Amino acid sequence: MSASENAGVAIRRATQADAAILARMRANSAFERHSGTAAQHAEYERVCSAFFAAQLAQENSFLRSWIASRGEQIAGGASLALFPTLPRYGEPFNGTDGRVRDVYVEPAFRRAGVARALMNVILAEARSLRIDRLSLGASAMGRPLYESLGFVGKLDEMVYERGVEFA
């Protein structure tokens, strides 16, 4: 996929060579929301880098990622995870759902349309793949953007985290 211009940023599909960039942004995002030590941050970034490198090396990976830049500076990134799904009552069915992941904008580029530009690329990809449903986790900062793009909150979802004892 060639680079596209959107909101003054160039957006291109990430490759295996971008694994460290995507990992750094994922780790920075996590540590903006959670506490941790420098050692924990470094270890998390290392694990993420290995993950992105492995996934982006696969031609048919479930993961698609993009990098946004202004000139030589990385402005942000985002990923789309694809997974098979079941039919939903009363809805068209193609068999694939998507989860938007890791929408991250470097602090110097925030509130300048970078996240919207990344989301526009993800939405175009979802349309081209005929994805049945997209979901995402929204921070308070990101929620107005996602709502303006047509995402709505759901009240019926719950999460079970690994490490919780079974009853």
Protein backbone atom coordinates (compact mmCIF):
# COMPACT_ATOMS: atom_id res chain seq x y z
CA MET A 1 0.00 0.00 0.00
CA SER A 2 1.42 3.36 -0.93
CA ALA A 3 1.66 6.25 1.46
CA SER A 4 -1.35 8.53 1.63
CA GLU A 5 -1.57 12.15 2.70
CA ASN A 6 -4.13 12.98 5.35
CA ALA A 7 -4.18 15.95 7.78
CA GLY A 8 -0.70 16.93 6.63
CA VAL A 9 0.78 13.57 7.57
CA ALA A 10 1.94 10.74 5.36
CA ILE A 11 0.48 7.40 6.37
CA ARG A 12 2.00 4.17 5.16
CA ARG A 13 1.52 0.50 5.90
CA ALA A 14 4.03 -0.68 8.51
CA THR A 15 6.56 -3.37 7.68
CA GLN A 16 8.69 -5.66 9.79
CA ALA A 17 11.33 -2.91 9.82
CA ASP A 18 8.86 -0.73 11.80
CA ALA A 19 8.48 -3.21 14.67
CA ALA A 20 10.60 -1.18 17.10
CA ILE A 21 8.67 2.02 16.29
CA LEU A 22 5.31 0.35 16.88
CA ALA A 23 6.60 -1.28 20.07
CA ARG A 24 7.88 2.04 21.42
CA MET A 25 4.50 3.69 20.81
CA ARG A 26 2.59 0.76 22.36
CA ALA A 27 4.85 0.83 25.43
CA ASN A 28 4.60 4.62 25.74
CA SER A 29 0.81 4.42 25.52
CA ALA A 30 0.65 1.76 28.23
CA PHE A 31 2.93 3.69 30.54
CA GLU A 32 0.96 6.91 30.05
CA ARG A 33 -2.05 5.04 31.46
CA HIS A 34 -0.36 2.79 34.04
CA SER A 35 2.52 3.11 36.44
CA GLY A 36 5.71 1.11 36.15
CA THR A 37 9.45 1.16 36.40
CA ALA A 38 11.92 1.93 33.63
CA ALA A 39 12.90 -1.76 33.63
CA GLN A 40 9.27 -2.83 33.18
CA HIS A 41 8.87 -0.33 30.35
CA ALA A 42 12.00 -1.61 28.61
CA GLU A 43 10.93 -5.26 28.97
CA TYR A 44 7.43 -4.53 27.69
CA GLU A 45 8.85 -2.65 24.72
CA ARG A 46 11.18 -5.60 23.97
CA VAL A 47 8.30 -8.09 24.05
CA CYS A 48 6.16 -5.84 21.86
CA SER A 49 8.98 -5.38 19.35
CA ALA A 50 9.41 -9.15 18.98
CA PHE A 51 5.64 -9.53 18.57
CA PHE A 52 5.34 -6.84 15.88
CA ALA A 53 8.40 -8.16 14.04
CA ALA A 54 6.95 -11.68 13.94
CA GLN A 55 3.48 -10.59 12.88
CA LEU A 56 4.56 -8.07 10.25
CA ALA A 57 6.88 -10.67 8.69
CA GLN A 58 3.91 -12.91 7.93
CA GLU A 59 2.15 -12.30 4.64
CA ASN A 60 -1.23 -13.40 6.02
CA SER A 61 -0.91 -12.05 9.56
CA PHE A 62 -4.02 -11.18 11.53
CA LEU A 63 -2.37 -7.80 12.23
CA ARG A 64 -2.15 -4.76 9.99
CA SER A 65 -0.38 -1.63 11.17
CA TRP A 66 0.29 1.87 9.90
CA ILE A 67 2.79 4.62 10.63
CA ALA A 68 2.01 8.35 10.34
CA SER A 69 4.82 10.83 9.81
CA ARG A 70 5.39 14.51 9.13
CA GLY A 71 8.57 14.89 7.21
CA GLU A 72 11.16 12.72 8.91
CA GLN A 73 9.32 12.69 12.25
CA ILE A 74 7.11 9.82 13.38
CA ALA A 75 3.77 11.34 14.39
CA GLY A 76 1.85 8.22 15.38
CA GLY A 77 0.71 4.74 14.54
CA ALA A 78 -2.23 2.38 14.72
CA SER A 79 -3.06 -1.27 14.18
CA LEU A 80 -6.02 -3.37 13.14
CA ALA A 81 -6.36 -6.94 14.42
CA LEU A 82 -8.58 -9.25 12.35
CA PHE A 83 -10.33 -12.34 13.67
CA PRO A 84 -13.03 -14.76 12.58
CA THR A 85 -16.48 -14.22 13.98
CA LEU A 86 -19.91 -15.77 14.20
CA PRO A 87 -22.99 -14.50 12.37
CA ARG A 88 -25.03 -11.89 14.23
CA TYR A 89 -28.79 -11.84 14.13
CA GLY A 90 -30.14 -9.41 11.55
CA GLU A 91 -26.72 -8.27 10.30
CA PRO A 92 -24.75 -8.93 7.10
CA PHE A 93 -22.11 -11.62 7.49
CA ASN A 94 -18.65 -11.86 5.99
CA GLY A 95 -17.02 -13.77 8.84
CA THR A 96 -14.39 -11.26 9.99
CA ASP A 97 -14.39 -8.77 12.84
CA GLY A 98 -11.71 -6.21 13.54
CA ARG A 99 -10.32 -4.64 16.67
CA VAL A 100 -8.62 -1.26 16.39
CA ARG A 101 -5.48 -1.34 18.51
CA ASP A 102 -2.69 0.99 19.49
CA VAL A 103 -3.91 4.27 18.07
CA TYR A 104 -1.11 6.42 19.42
CA VAL A 105 -0.03 9.94 18.58
CA GLU A 106 3.25 11.36 19.78
CA PRO A 107 2.62 14.20 22.29
CA ALA A 108 4.04 16.90 19.98
CA PHE A 109 1.50 15.97 17.28
CA ARG A 110 -1.66 15.56 19.39
CA ARG A 111 -4.83 17.51 18.58
CA ALA A 112 -3.64 18.04 15.00
CA GLY A 113 -5.73 15.40 13.18
CA VAL A 114 -3.17 12.59 13.21
CA ALA A 115 -5.41 10.10 15.04
CA ARG A 116 -8.32 10.94 12.72
CA ALA A 117 -6.07 10.41 9.69
CA LEU A 118 -4.97 7.02 11.05
CA MET A 119 -8.57 6.05 11.80
CA ASN A 120 -9.64 7.05 8.27
CA VAL A 121 -7.06 4.64 6.88
CA ILE A 122 -8.26 1.88 9.21
CA LEU A 123 -11.90 2.50 8.29
CA ALA A 124 -11.02 2.37 4.58
CA GLU A 125 -9.20 -0.93 5.14
CA ALA A 126 -12.18 -2.30 7.08
CA ARG A 127 -14.52 -1.34 4.23
CA SER A 128 -12.26 -2.94 1.63
CA LEU A 129 -12.15 -6.17 3.67
CA ARG A 130 -15.91 -6.03 4.31
CA ILE A 131 -15.31 -6.41 8.05
CA ASP A 132 -18.54 -7.17 9.88
CA ARG A 133 -17.81 -5.16 13.03
CA LEU A 134 -15.02 -2.99 14.40
CA SER A 135 -14.41 -2.52 18.10
CA LEU A 136 -11.89 -0.57 20.12
CA GLY A 137 -11.04 0.54 23.61
CA ALA A 138 -11.34 4.29 24.02
CA SER A 139 -9.51 6.55 26.41
CA ALA A 140 -11.28 9.68 27.62
CA MET A 141 -9.07 11.68 25.24
CA GLY A 142 -9.94 9.47 22.25
CA ARG A 143 -13.65 8.96 22.88
CA PRO A 144 -14.88 12.17 21.12
CA LEU A 145 -12.92 11.25 17.98
CA TYR A 146 -14.29 7.71 17.85
CA GLU A 147 -17.84 8.90 18.46
CA SER A 148 -17.48 11.44 15.62
CA LEU A 149 -16.50 8.54 13.34
CA GLY A 150 -19.62 6.57 14.26
CA PHE A 151 -18.41 4.32 17.09
CA VAL A 152 -20.91 3.86 19.93
CA GLY A 153 -20.42 2.62 23.47
CA LYS A 154 -21.67 -0.80 24.54
CA LEU A 155 -22.93 -1.51 28.02
CA ASP A 156 -23.04 -5.31 27.78
CA GLU A 157 -19.34 -6.18 27.55
CA MET A 158 -17.18 -7.50 30.34
CA VAL A 159 -13.54 -8.62 30.43
CA TYR A 160 -11.99 -11.58 32.23
CA GLU A 161 -8.28 -11.08 32.78
CA ARG A 162 -5.77 -13.92 32.97
CA GLY A 163 -4.47 -14.28 36.50
CA VAL A 164 -7.91 -14.08 38.11
CA GLU A 165 -8.67 -17.19 40.15
CA PHE A 166 -11.48 -19.39 38.89
CA ALA A 167 -14.38 -19.59 41.35
